[in-house]
PDB file of N, CA and C in Angstrom:
ATOM      1  N   ASP A   1       0.708  -1.200  -0.274  1.00  0.00           N
ATOM      2  CA  ASP A   1       0.086  -0.056  -0.011  1.00  0.00           C
ATOM      3  C   ASP A   1       0.505   1.359  -0.309  1.00  0.00           C
ATOM      4  N   ALA A   2       2.101   0.993   0.761  1.00  0.00           N
ATOM      5  CA  ALA A   2       2.572   2.629   1.104  1.00  0.00           C
ATOM      6  C   ALA A   2       3.275   2.506  -0.575  1.00  0.00           C
ATOM      7  N   ILE A   3       3.602   1.945  -1.108  1.00  0.00           N
ATOM      8  CA  ILE A   3       4.522   2.230  -2.436  1.00  0.00           C
ATOM      9  C   ILE A   3       3.892   3.267  -3.914  1.00  0.00           C
ATOM     10  N   ALA A   4       1.870   2.530  -3.996  1.00  0.00           N
ATOM     11  CA  ALA A   4       1.516   3.909  -4.796  1.00  0.00           C
ATOM     12  C   ALA A   4       1.081   4.759  -3.603  1.00  0.00           C
ATOM     13  N   PHE A   5       0.440   6.426  -4.316  1.00  0.00           N
ATOM     14  CA  PHE A   5      -0.221   7.062  -4.029  1.00  0.00           C
ATOM     15  C   PHE A   5      -1.649   6.537  -3.545  1.00  0.00           C
ATOM     16  N   LYS A   6      -2.149   6.106  -4.502  1.00  0.00           N
ATOM     17  CA  LYS A   6      -3.610   5.960  -3.909  1.00  0.00           C
ATOM     18  C   LYS A   6      -3.635   4.440  -3.148  1.00  0.00           C
ATOM     19  N   GLY A   7      -2.600   3.868  -3.169  1.00  0.00           N
ATOM     20  CA  GLY A   7      -2.894   2.926  -1.710  1.00  0.00           C
ATOM     21  C   GLY A   7      -2.768   3.580  -0.251  1.00  0.00           C
ATOM     22  N   TRP A   8      -1.566   5.269  -0.268  1.00  0.00           N
ATOM     23  CA  TRP A   8      -1.629   5.761   1.047  1.00  0.00           C
ATOM     24  C   TRP A   8      -3.253   6.089   1.520  1.00  0.00           C
ATOM     25  N   TYR A   9      -4.008   6.808   0.141  1.00  0.00           N
ATOM     26  CA  TYR A   9      -5.205   7.287   0.105  1.00  0.00           C
ATOM     27  C   TYR A   9      -6.234   6.029   0.766  1.00  0.00           C
ATOM     28  N   LYS A  10      -5.980   4.723   0.294  1.00  0.00           N
ATOM     29  CA  LYS A  10      -7.342   3.927   0.856  1.00  0.00           C
ATOM     30  C   LYS A  10      -6.904   3.417   2.195  1.00  0.00           C
ATOM     31  N   ASN A  11      -5.764   3.226   2.408  1.00  0.00           N
ATOM     32  CA  ASN A  11      -5.411   2.709   3.980  1.00  0.00           C
ATOM     33  C   ASN A  11      -5.234   3.881   4.820  1.00  0.00           C
ATOM     34  N   ARG A  12      -6.010   3.723   6.148  1.00  0.00           N
ATOM     35  CA  ARG A  12      -6.307   4.485   7.333  1.00  0.00           C
ATOM     36  C   ARG A  12      -5.244   5.118   8.031  1.00  0.00           C
ATOM     37  N   VAL A  13      -4.770   4.043   8.305  1.00  0.00           N
ATOM     38  CA  VAL A  13      -3.193   4.198   9.198  1.00  0.00           C
ATOM     39  C   VAL A  13      -2.089   5.432   8.121  1.00  0.00           C
ATOM     40  N   LEU A  14      -1.937   4.773   7.355  1.00  0.00           N
ATOM     41  CA  LEU A  14      -1.232   5.745   6.151  1.00  0.00           C
ATOM     42  C   LEU A  14      -1.702   6.863   5.718  1.00  0.00           C
ATOM     43  N   HIS A  15      -3.335   7.210   5.863  1.00  0.00           N
ATOM     44  CA  HIS A  15      -3.633   8.256   5.195  1.00  0.00           C
ATOM     45  C   HIS A  15      -3.422   9.154   6.443  1.00  0.00           C
ATOM     46  N   ILE A  16      -3.906   9.117   7.626  1.00  0.00           N
ATOM     47  CA  ILE A  16      -3.266   9.557   8.892  1.00  0.00           C
ATOM     48  C   ILE A  16      -2.250  10.270   9.000  1.00  0.00           C
ATOM     49  N   LEU A  17      -1.066   9.384   8.776  1.00  0.00           N
ATOM     50  CA  LEU A  17       0.307   9.756   8.617  1.00  0.00           C
ATOM     51  C   LEU A  17       0.524  10.251   7.654  1.00  0.00           C
ATOM     52  N   LEU A  18      -0.021  10.273   6.421  1.00  0.00           N
ATOM     53  CA  LEU A  18       0.285  11.211   5.139  1.00  0.00           C
ATOM     54  C   LEU A  18      -0.264  12.432   5.767  1.00  0.00           C
ATOM     55  N   VAL A  19      -1.634  13.242   6.704  1.00  0.00           N
ATOM     56  CA  VAL A  19      -2.506  13.869   6.529  1.00  0.00           C
ATOM     57  C   VAL A  19      -1.196  14.614   7.884  1.00  0.00           C
ATOM     58  N   PHE A  20      -0.877  13.730   8.641  1.00  0.00           N
ATOM     59  CA  PHE A  20       0.048  14.408   9.896  1.00  0.00           C
ATOM     60  C   PHE A  20       1.544  15.186   9.332  1.00  0.00           C
ATOM     61  N   LEU A  21       1.962  14.197   8.146  1.00  0.00           N
ATOM     62  CA  LEU A  21       3.388  14.733   7.532  1.00  0.00           C
ATOM     63  C   LEU A  21       3.130  16.009   7.096  1.00  0.00           C
ATOM     64  N   MET A  22       1.980  16.051   6.044  1.00  0.00           N
ATOM     65  CA  MET A  22       2.035  17.160   5.727  1.00  0.00           C
ATOM     66  C   MET A  22       1.721  18.213   6.150  1.00  0.00           C
ATOM     67  N   THR A  23       0.710  18.243   7.357  1.00  0.00           N
ATOM     68  CA  THR A  23       0.794  19.410   8.055  1.00  0.00           C
ATOM     69  C   THR A  23       2.060  20.257   8.979  1.00  0.00           C
ATOM     70  N   SER A  24       2.687  19.043   9.021  1.00  0.00           N
ATOM     71  CA  SER A  24       3.737  19.188  10.338  1.00  0.00           C
ATOM     72  C   SER A  24       5.048  19.818   8.667  1.00  0.00           C
ATOM     73  N   PHE A  25       4.858  19.493   7.930  1.00  0.00           N
ATOM     74  CA  PHE A  25       5.930  19.742   6.584  1.00  0.00           C
ATOM     75  C   PHE A  25       4.717  21.793   6.463  1.00  0.00           C
ATOM     76  N   GLY A  26       3.991  21.415   6.185  1.00  0.00           N
ATOM     77  CA  GLY A  26       3.127  22.882   6.164  1.00  0.00           C
ATOM     78  C   GLY A  26       3.702  24.064   7.085  1.00  0.00           C
ATOM     79  N   ALA A  27       3.459  23.868   8.459  1.00  0.00           N
ATOM     80  CA  ALA A  27       3.660  24.581   9.802  1.00  0.00           C
ATOM     81  C   ALA A  27       5.404  24.801   9.355  1.00  0.00           C
ATOM     82  N   SER A  28       6.215  23.777   9.051  1.00  0.00           N
ATOM     83  CA  SER A  28       7.462  23.999   9.301  1.00  0.00           C
ATOM     84  C   SER A  28       7.925  25.269   8.187  1.00  0.00           C
ATOM     85  N   ILE A  29       7.298  25.058   7.120  1.00  0.00           N
ATOM     86  CA  ILE A  29       7.486  26.238   5.932  1.00  0.00           C
ATOM     87  C   ILE A  29       7.028  27.543   6.198  1.00  0.00           C
ATOM     88  N   GLY A  30       5.974  27.268   7.190  1.00  0.00           N
ATOM     89  CA  GLY A  30       5.548  28.384   7.635  1.00  0.00           C
ATOM     90  C   GLY A  30       6.321  29.639   8.806  1.00  0.00           C
ATOM     91  N   ASN A  31       6.632  28.640   9.420  1.00  0.00           N
ATOM     92  CA  ASN A  31       7.665  28.952  10.612  1.00  0.00           C
ATOM     93  C   ASN A  31       8.750  29.598  10.602  1.00  0.00           C
ATOM     94  N   VAL A  32       9.052  28.714   9.052  1.00  0.00           N
ATOM     95  CA  VAL A  32      10.629  29.754   8.489  1.00  0.00           C
ATOM     96  C   VAL A  32      10.159  30.985   7.627  1.00  0.00           C
ATOM     97  N   VAL A  33       9.072  31.150   6.999  1.00  0.00           N
ATOM     98  CA  VAL A  33       9.031  32.095   6.271  1.00  0.00           C
ATOM     99  C   VAL A  33       8.420  33.439   7.299  1.00  0.00           C
ATOM    100  N   VAL A  34       7.749  32.986   8.300  1.00  0.00           N
ATOM    101  CA  VAL A  34       7.466  34.079   9.173  1.00  0.00           C
ATOM    102  C   VAL A  34       8.361  34.994  10.534  1.00  0.00           C
ATOM    103  N   PHE A  35       9.120  33.643  10.724  1.00  0.00           N
ATOM    104  CA  PHE A  35      10.115  33.788  11.979  1.00  0.00           C
ATOM    105  C   PHE A  35      10.911  35.390  11.804  1.00  0.00           C
ATOM    106  N   PRO A  36      11.562  35.291  10.403  1.00  0.00           N
ATOM    107  CA  PRO A  36      12.610  36.651  10.260  1.00  0.00           C
ATOM    108  C   PRO A  36      11.584  37.672  10.001  1.00  0.00           C
ATOM    109  N   LEU A  37      10.623  37.763   9.593  1.00  0.00           N
ATOM    110  CA  LEU A  37       9.997  38.711   9.532  1.00  0.00           C
ATOM    111  C   LEU A  37       8.819  38.843  10.521  1.00  0.00           C
ATOM    112  N   LEU A  38       9.030  38.448  11.790  1.00  0.00           N
ATOM    113  CA  LEU A  38       8.660  38.615  13.099  1.00  0.00           C
ATOM    114  C   LEU A  38       9.958  39.082  14.228  1.00  0.00           C
ATOM    115  N   LEU A  39      11.121  38.383  13.724  1.00  0.00           N
ATOM    116  CA  LEU A  39      12.354  39.502  14.406  1.00  0.00           C
ATOM    117  C   LEU A  39      12.502  40.852  13.976  1.00  0.00           C
ATOM    118  N   ARG A  40      12.368  41.119  12.467  1.00  0.00           N
ATOM    119  CA  ARG A  40      12.621  42.444  11.641  1.00  0.00           C
ATOM    120  C   ARG A  40      11.197  43.052  12.766  1.00  0.00           C
ATOM    121  N   MET A  41      10.191  42.739  13.377  1.00  0.00           N
ATOM    122  CA  MET A  41       9.172  44.292  13.604  1.00  0.00           C
ATOM    123  C   MET A  41       9.624  43.851  15.009  1.00  0.00           C
ATOM    124  N   ILE A  42       9.950  43.207  15.831  1.00  0.00           N
ATOM    125  CA  ILE A  42      10.607  42.846  16.996  1.00  0.00           C
ATOM    126  C   ILE A  42      11.822  43.724  17.395  1.00  0.00           C
ATOM    127  N   LEU A  43      13.044  44.085  16.446  1.00  0.00           N
ATOM    128  CA  LEU A  43      13.843  44.635  16.857  1.00  0.00           C
ATOM    129  C   LEU A  43      14.063  45.417  15.811  1.00  0.00           C
TER     130      LEU A  43
END
């Protein structure tokens, strides 16, 4: 199931893992983008 993307979507455990990984990745990108802007505003 883990080899094909369709398998990730059909398998509940892999689907939950995929959602967790994508949200974590998005949050990390958001932190990297916003953190320097916040530092400029504070300092």
